[in-house]
Structures are given as C-alpha cells and as structure tokens.
C-alpha cells in the first residue's frame, strides 16, 4: 500500500490540493471537528477553522465534520472553493458530496475508528477508514490519516453500513451493556462509581483477551463452561430486580452459547 501511495504521489503536482502537506479547512466545530483541527495543527499542517456549518473555510482541502444528514448541504456551501472535499462519516457514501464534485472537486472519506466522548480524544494509534473518488484522492486521504498518526484502511461505499454496525457494536453498544452491568451491580449493593471502578478492570482485561486471543479463546464464565444452574440463578436475579433487562440477558446468553459451541478460529 505504501508503494502504491508513492506511485500515486509521483503523478501529483506539488501545487495540487492532493499533494501531501496541503492546507486543510475544517467545517464543523463540534467534538470531532475540534479534535481533528487541533491534531492537524499539532502535526504541522496549516489549518483553517473549524468554522460553523454553512461557512466555506480557506484551505486546499476541505474536511466536513458535520452530521450525516447535513453533509450534502455542507458540500454545497463549499462547492467550488477547494479541489478536494471530504466527509468524516463512516456510514454515508461519497455520493453525499455530489455538489462539490459538480463544481470540480475530487472526493474522499476519512472516518477515525475512535470515540469522541471527551474533547481530548486521542487519534494516534486508531484505525481510519478511507475512500476516494479517484486513486489520487484515496492516496490523499491516506496521507491525512497517517499525518494524524492513524492507520488507514480502504472502505468501499457498499460496505459502509456493515462497517458502521461493527463500530456501533464494539463501542456504542458496549456502553449500553456496561450500563446494564452497572444496574445489576447496584442491585448487589454497589454504588455506581464503585461498580464502574470494579467492573472496569474486568472489562479491560476481557477486551485485551479478545484482541489477543480471539473471541473463542477469550470467552469465560458459566455459559462457556456449561454451568446452566448458575445461568438460571443469574436470570432469576435479573427478572426479579430489573425485568426490562431480561430480553437483553436472554439474547446474550443465546449468542454466548453459540460462540461457546463455535470451533476456534471459525471466522478468523
């Protein structure tokens, strides 16, 4: 992939907006836009913004950090102002940038596989889904990702929904699951802060085992060892104290049984 990038860059004029080091205008002053603008500046890039939605910033490259439903309107607002226009959505196709393309821009996507719950979210070390309307635009997106310390990987438009579902399962739904765990810990007498403190170490170790060993070898607990009596006691406790969590518990037990029965490496 690096060889391909070098080959593509050899055909790009140093004055082109696709060239490494080009200035970047950021639209969207929310969490993501603020983090990206600061990180690009820290990496030595000339950055304009972040500016508000509907404003066209200076910059040879314009990066739209706006909600998915507002991408097309934002692309229309910056149409004709930059030779390379991109969005930061994981789920939305590049076609949403059509107004910028109609004005002559090449298009790209740049989606950091990271959560931005805090203003100081760290980009370095994260994966980053990239795409481009041309090979050179894709190379420019990879260059931006690497400038930010991220590891780029290509994402086809047709795969975006599945990719974004994976991200939601791994991050958003994990928080929902931990909220359920915190509630059951509360039933057992643990205060929320104490519950999070104690469960945090368990969650972190579990995630590290999953990453290092794969799901089949990382799985432990009563379902994995076939201890159905303990599973029944757990289910009874959930039903008595937090009955609205019972459907979630039952689905998770079913999926965990299926995982425990799966041959190691079946999906690797």
Protein backbone atom coordinates (compact mmCIF):
# COMPACT_ATOMS: atom_id res chain seq x y z
CA UNK A 1 0.00 0.00 0.00
CA UNK A 2 2.86 2.41 0.76
CA UNK A 3 4.37 1.65 -2.64
CA UNK A 4 1.02 2.49 -4.26
CA UNK A 5 0.89 5.77 -2.34
CA UNK A 6 4.36 6.70 -3.53
CA UNK A 7 3.46 5.85 -7.12
CA UNK A 8 0.30 7.94 -6.96
CA UNK A 9 2.09 10.87 -5.37
CA UNK A 10 4.69 10.83 -8.13
CA UNK A 11 1.91 11.85 -10.54
CA UNK A 12 0.57 14.65 -8.33
CA UNK A 13 1.82 18.19 -8.80
CA UNK A 14 3.29 19.73 -5.62
CA UNK A 15 0.77 22.55 -6.07
CA UNK A 16 -2.21 20.19 -6.22
CA UNK A 17 -4.64 20.00 -3.28
CA UNK A 18 -3.99 16.25 -3.38
CA UNK A 19 -0.31 16.72 -2.54
CA UNK A 20 0.94 15.79 0.96
CA UNK A 21 1.14 18.84 3.21
CA UNK A 22 -1.75 20.75 1.60
CA UNK A 23 -3.64 23.17 3.85
CA UNK A 24 -6.91 21.95 5.35
CA UNK A 25 -10.14 23.80 6.07
CA UNK A 26 -12.39 22.17 8.67
CA UNK A 27 -16.17 22.66 8.74
CA UNK A 28 -17.95 21.79 11.97
CA UNK A 29 -16.88 22.99 15.41
CA UNK A 30 -18.22 20.02 17.35
CA UNK A 31 -16.13 17.42 19.12
CA UNK A 32 -14.74 15.74 16.01
CA UNK A 33 -14.03 18.93 14.06
CA UNK A 34 -12.29 20.48 17.04
CA UNK A 35 -10.15 17.41 17.69
CA UNK A 36 -9.17 16.99 14.02
CA UNK A 37 -8.30 20.66 13.57
CA UNK A 38 -6.12 20.68 16.68
CA UNK A 39 -4.43 17.39 15.78
CA UNK A 40 -3.66 18.55 12.24
CA UNK A 41 -2.14 21.78 13.58
CA UNK A 42 -0.08 19.83 16.09
CA UNK A 43 1.16 17.67 13.19
CA UNK A 44 2.37 20.77 11.35
CA UNK A 45 -0.45 21.26 8.84
CA UNK A 46 -1.85 24.68 8.01
CA UNK A 47 -5.44 24.54 9.24
CA UNK A 48 -8.35 26.94 8.76
CA UNK A 49 -11.20 26.57 11.21
CA UNK A 50 -13.10 24.79 12.46
CA UNK A 51 -15.82 27.03 11.09
CA UNK A 52 -19.55 26.71 11.53
CA UNK A 53 -21.84 24.77 9.24
CA UNK A 54 -22.72 26.64 6.06
CA UNK A 55 -19.40 28.51 6.05
CA UNK A 56 -16.70 27.88 3.44
CA UNK A 57 -13.24 27.93 5.04
CA UNK A 58 -9.97 28.62 3.28
CA UNK A 59 -7.82 25.57 2.53
CA UNK A 60 -6.76 23.47 -0.42
CA UNK A 61 -8.58 20.54 1.20
CA UNK A 62 -11.95 20.92 2.94
CA UNK A 63 -12.99 18.38 5.54
CA UNK A 64 -16.66 18.31 6.57
CA UNK A 65 -17.17 17.23 10.19
CA UNK A 66 -20.95 17.54 10.25
CA UNK A 67 -23.85 15.14 10.98
CA UNK A 68 -24.64 12.72 8.16
CA UNK A 69 -27.92 14.43 7.30
CA UNK A 70 -26.11 17.74 6.76
CA UNK A 71 -23.24 16.54 4.56
CA UNK A 72 -24.85 17.40 1.23
CA UNK A 73 -25.82 20.91 2.37
CA UNK A 74 -22.31 21.47 3.72
CA UNK A 75 -20.82 20.21 0.44
CA UNK A 76 -23.00 22.66 -1.46
CA UNK A 77 -21.79 25.50 0.77
CA UNK A 78 -18.11 24.78 -0.02
CA UNK A 79 -18.59 23.82 -3.68
CA UNK A 80 -16.00 25.46 -5.89
CA UNK A 81 -13.74 26.56 -3.02
CA UNK A 82 -11.38 23.57 -2.85
CA UNK A 83 -10.07 20.89 -5.18
CA UNK A 84 -10.52 18.12 -2.61
CA UNK A 85 -13.58 17.81 -0.35
CA UNK A 86 -14.19 15.03 2.14
CA UNK A 87 -16.50 13.96 4.93
CA UNK A 88 -15.86 12.14 8.20
CA UNK A 89 -18.89 9.83 8.17
CA UNK A 90 -18.46 6.09 8.50
CA UNK A 91 -21.94 5.27 7.20
CA UNK A 92 -22.54 7.76 4.37
CA UNK A 93 -21.42 7.22 0.78
CA UNK A 94 -19.23 9.71 -1.09
CA UNK A 95 -22.24 10.49 -3.29
CA UNK A 96 -23.46 12.78 -0.49
CA UNK A 97 -20.66 15.15 -1.57
CA UNK A 98 -22.12 15.46 -5.10
CA UNK A 99 -22.46 19.29 -5.05
CA UNK A 100 -18.70 19.62 -4.51
CA UNK A 101 -18.00 17.09 -7.26
CA UNK A 102 -20.25 19.02 -9.66
CA UNK A 103 -18.02 22.05 -9.03
CA UNK A 104 -14.91 20.06 -9.96
CA UNK A 105 -13.69 18.72 -6.61
CA UNK A 106 -12.36 15.25 -6.06
CA UNK A 107 -13.95 13.50 -3.10
CA UNK A 108 -12.75 11.47 -0.13
CA UNK A 109 -13.92 9.94 3.11
CA UNK A 110 -11.97 9.89 6.39
CA UNK A 111 -13.58 8.12 9.36
CA UNK A 112 -11.46 7.74 12.52
CA UNK A 113 -12.37 4.48 14.25
CA UNK A 114 -12.37 6.18 17.62
CA UNK A 115 -14.83 7.52 20.18
CA UNK A 116 -15.03 11.26 20.89
CA UNK A 117 -16.82 11.42 24.23
CA UNK A 118 -14.12 13.73 25.57
CA UNK A 119 -12.62 16.87 23.98
CA UNK A 120 -9.08 15.50 24.17
CA UNK A 121 -9.77 12.23 22.34
CA UNK A 122 -6.60 10.63 21.05
CA UNK A 123 -6.30 9.84 17.34
CA UNK A 124 -2.80 8.37 17.23
CA UNK A 125 -2.93 4.59 17.08
CA UNK A 126 -6.53 4.45 15.83
CA UNK A 127 -7.64 2.82 12.63
CA UNK A 128 -9.12 5.11 9.98
CA UNK A 129 -11.48 4.13 7.17
CA UNK A 130 -10.63 5.96 3.95
CA UNK A 131 -12.10 6.19 0.45
CA UNK A 132 -11.70 8.40 -2.59
CA UNK A 133 -13.44 9.17 -5.85
CA UNK A 134 -10.09 8.67 -7.62
CA UNK A 135 -6.94 6.74 -6.70
CA UNK A 136 -5.17 10.04 -6.04
CA UNK A 137 -7.97 11.22 -3.72
CA UNK A 138 -7.71 7.94 -1.82
CA UNK A 139 -3.94 8.46 -1.51
CA UNK A 140 -4.56 11.97 -0.15
CA UNK A 141 -6.99 10.57 2.43
CA UNK A 142 -4.39 8.01 3.49
CA UNK A 143 -1.84 10.79 3.82
CA UNK A 144 -4.16 12.78 6.11
CA UNK A 145 -4.81 9.71 8.24
CA UNK A 146 -1.10 9.00 8.62
CA UNK A 147 -0.41 12.66 9.38
CA UNK A 148 -2.75 12.22 12.35
CA UNK A 149 -0.96 9.06 13.48
CA UNK A 150 -3.78 6.74 12.39
CA UNK A 151 -3.58 3.55 10.34
CA UNK A 152 -5.70 3.89 7.19
CA UNK A 153 -7.66 1.05 5.61
CA UNK A 154 -9.80 1.23 2.48
CA UNK A 155 -13.60 1.13 2.80
CA UNK A 156 -15.89 0.65 -0.20
CA UNK A 157 -19.19 2.55 -0.24
CA UNK A 158 -21.13 -0.72 -0.39
CA UNK A 159 -19.51 -1.89 2.85
CA UNK A 160 -20.18 1.23 4.90
CA UNK A 161 -23.34 0.07 6.66
CA UNK A 162 -21.72 -3.19 7.81
CA UNK A 163 -18.56 -1.35 8.90
CA UNK A 164 -20.54 1.22 10.88
CA UNK A 165 -22.63 -1.52 12.50
CA UNK A 166 -19.38 -3.17 13.63
CA UNK A 167 -18.24 0.12 15.16
CA UNK A 168 -21.56 0.57 16.96
CA UNK A 169 -21.47 -2.96 18.34
CA UNK A 170 -17.89 -2.55 19.55
CA UNK A 171 -18.30 0.90 21.09
CA UNK A 172 -21.82 2.30 21.47
CA UNK A 173 -23.49 -0.97 22.39
CA UNK A 174 -20.67 -1.82 24.77
CA UNK A 175 -21.58 1.27 26.80
CA UNK A 176 -25.24 0.13 26.81
CA UNK A 177 -24.13 -3.31 28.01
CA UNK A 178 -21.96 -1.85 30.77
CA UNK A 179 -24.89 0.31 31.89
CA UNK A 180 -26.89 -2.91 32.34
CA UNK A 181 -23.98 -4.45 34.29
CA UNK A 182 -23.79 -1.32 36.48
CA UNK A 183 -27.52 -1.57 37.23
CA UNK A 184 -27.22 -5.21 38.32
CA UNK A 185 -24.18 -4.33 40.44
CA UNK A 186 -26.37 -1.72 42.09
CA UNK A 187 -28.88 -4.44 42.95
CA UNK A 188 -26.00 -6.21 44.71
CA UNK A 189 -25.33 -3.07 46.78
CA UNK A 190 -22.53 -1.36 44.82
CA UNK A 191 -22.72 2.37 44.28
CA UNK A 192 -22.40 3.42 40.61
CA UNK A 193 -18.89 4.87 40.92
CA UNK A 194 -17.66 1.85 42.86
CA UNK A 195 -19.33 -0.53 40.38
CA UNK A 196 -17.65 1.17 37.42
CA UNK A 197 -14.33 1.10 39.21
CA UNK A 198 -14.51 -2.62 39.92
CA UNK A 199 -16.03 -3.65 36.58
CA UNK A 200 -13.58 -1.51 34.61
CA UNK A 201 -10.66 -3.84 35.30
CA UNK A 202 -12.73 -6.87 34.27
CA UNK A 203 -13.88 -5.18 31.04
CA UNK A 204 -10.38 -4.00 30.15
CA UNK A 205 -8.88 -7.45 30.69
CA UNK A 206 -11.69 -9.08 28.70
CA UNK A 207 -11.19 -6.72 25.76
CA UNK A 208 -7.43 -7.31 25.83
CA UNK A 209 -8.00 -11.08 25.81
CA UNK A 210 -10.45 -10.75 22.90
CA UNK A 211 -7.94 -8.69 20.92
CA UNK A 212 -5.01 -11.01 21.67
CA UNK A 213 -6.70 -14.42 21.62
CA UNK A 214 -9.84 -14.06 19.53
CA UNK A 215 -13.43 -14.45 20.81
CA UNK A 216 -13.46 -18.23 21.18
CA UNK A 217 -10.40 -18.35 23.47
CA UNK A 218 -11.30 -15.18 25.37
CA UNK A 219 -14.74 -16.45 26.42
CA UNK A 220 -15.08 -17.50 30.07
CA UNK A 221 -17.93 -17.76 32.57
CA UNK A 222 -20.87 -20.05 33.30
CA UNK A 223 -22.25 -20.25 29.74
CA UNK A 224 -18.84 -21.17 28.33
CA UNK A 225 -18.34 -23.95 30.88
CA UNK A 226 -21.90 -25.25 30.59
CA UNK A 227 -22.97 -24.27 34.12
CA UNK A 228 -26.67 -23.92 33.39
CA UNK A 229 -27.66 -23.86 37.07
CA UNK A 230 -25.68 -20.64 37.56
CA UNK A 231 -27.15 -19.15 34.38
CA UNK A 232 -30.64 -19.86 35.72
CA UNK A 233 -29.83 -18.16 39.04
CA UNK A 234 -28.48 -15.13 37.17
CA UNK A 235 -31.60 -14.98 35.01
CA UNK A 236 -33.84 -15.14 38.08
CA UNK A 237 -31.94 -12.25 39.69
CA UNK A 238 -32.34 -10.13 36.57
CA UNK A 239 -36.04 -10.98 36.28
CA UNK A 240 -36.68 -10.05 39.92
CA UNK A 241 -34.69 -6.82 40.11
CA UNK A 242 -34.51 -5.36 36.57
CA UNK A 243 -37.10 -7.16 34.41
CA UNK A 244 -36.64 -4.77 31.49
CA UNK A 245 -33.11 -6.19 31.11
CA UNK A 246 -34.37 -9.76 30.75
CA UNK A 247 -34.73 -9.74 26.92
CA UNK A 248 -31.16 -8.43 26.64
CA UNK A 249 -29.91 -11.08 29.06
CA UNK A 250 -31.66 -13.88 27.18
CA UNK A 251 -30.33 -12.78 23.79
CA UNK A 252 -26.80 -12.50 25.17
CA UNK A 253 -26.99 -15.98 26.72
CA UNK A 254 -28.20 -17.39 23.39
CA UNK A 255 -25.40 -15.70 21.42
CA UNK A 256 -22.82 -16.71 24.03
CA UNK A 257 -23.92 -20.36 23.80
CA UNK A 258 -23.46 -20.16 20.03
CA UNK A 259 -20.00 -18.65 20.47
CA UNK A 260 -19.01 -21.32 23.01
CA UNK A 261 -20.02 -24.02 20.52
CA UNK A 262 -18.12 -22.47 17.64
CA UNK A 263 -14.82 -24.03 16.57
CA UNK A 264 -11.87 -21.80 17.44
CA UNK A 265 -10.90 -19.57 14.53
CA UNK A 266 -14.10 -20.28 12.58
CA UNK A 267 -14.34 -16.65 11.45
CA UNK A 268 -10.68 -15.68 11.53
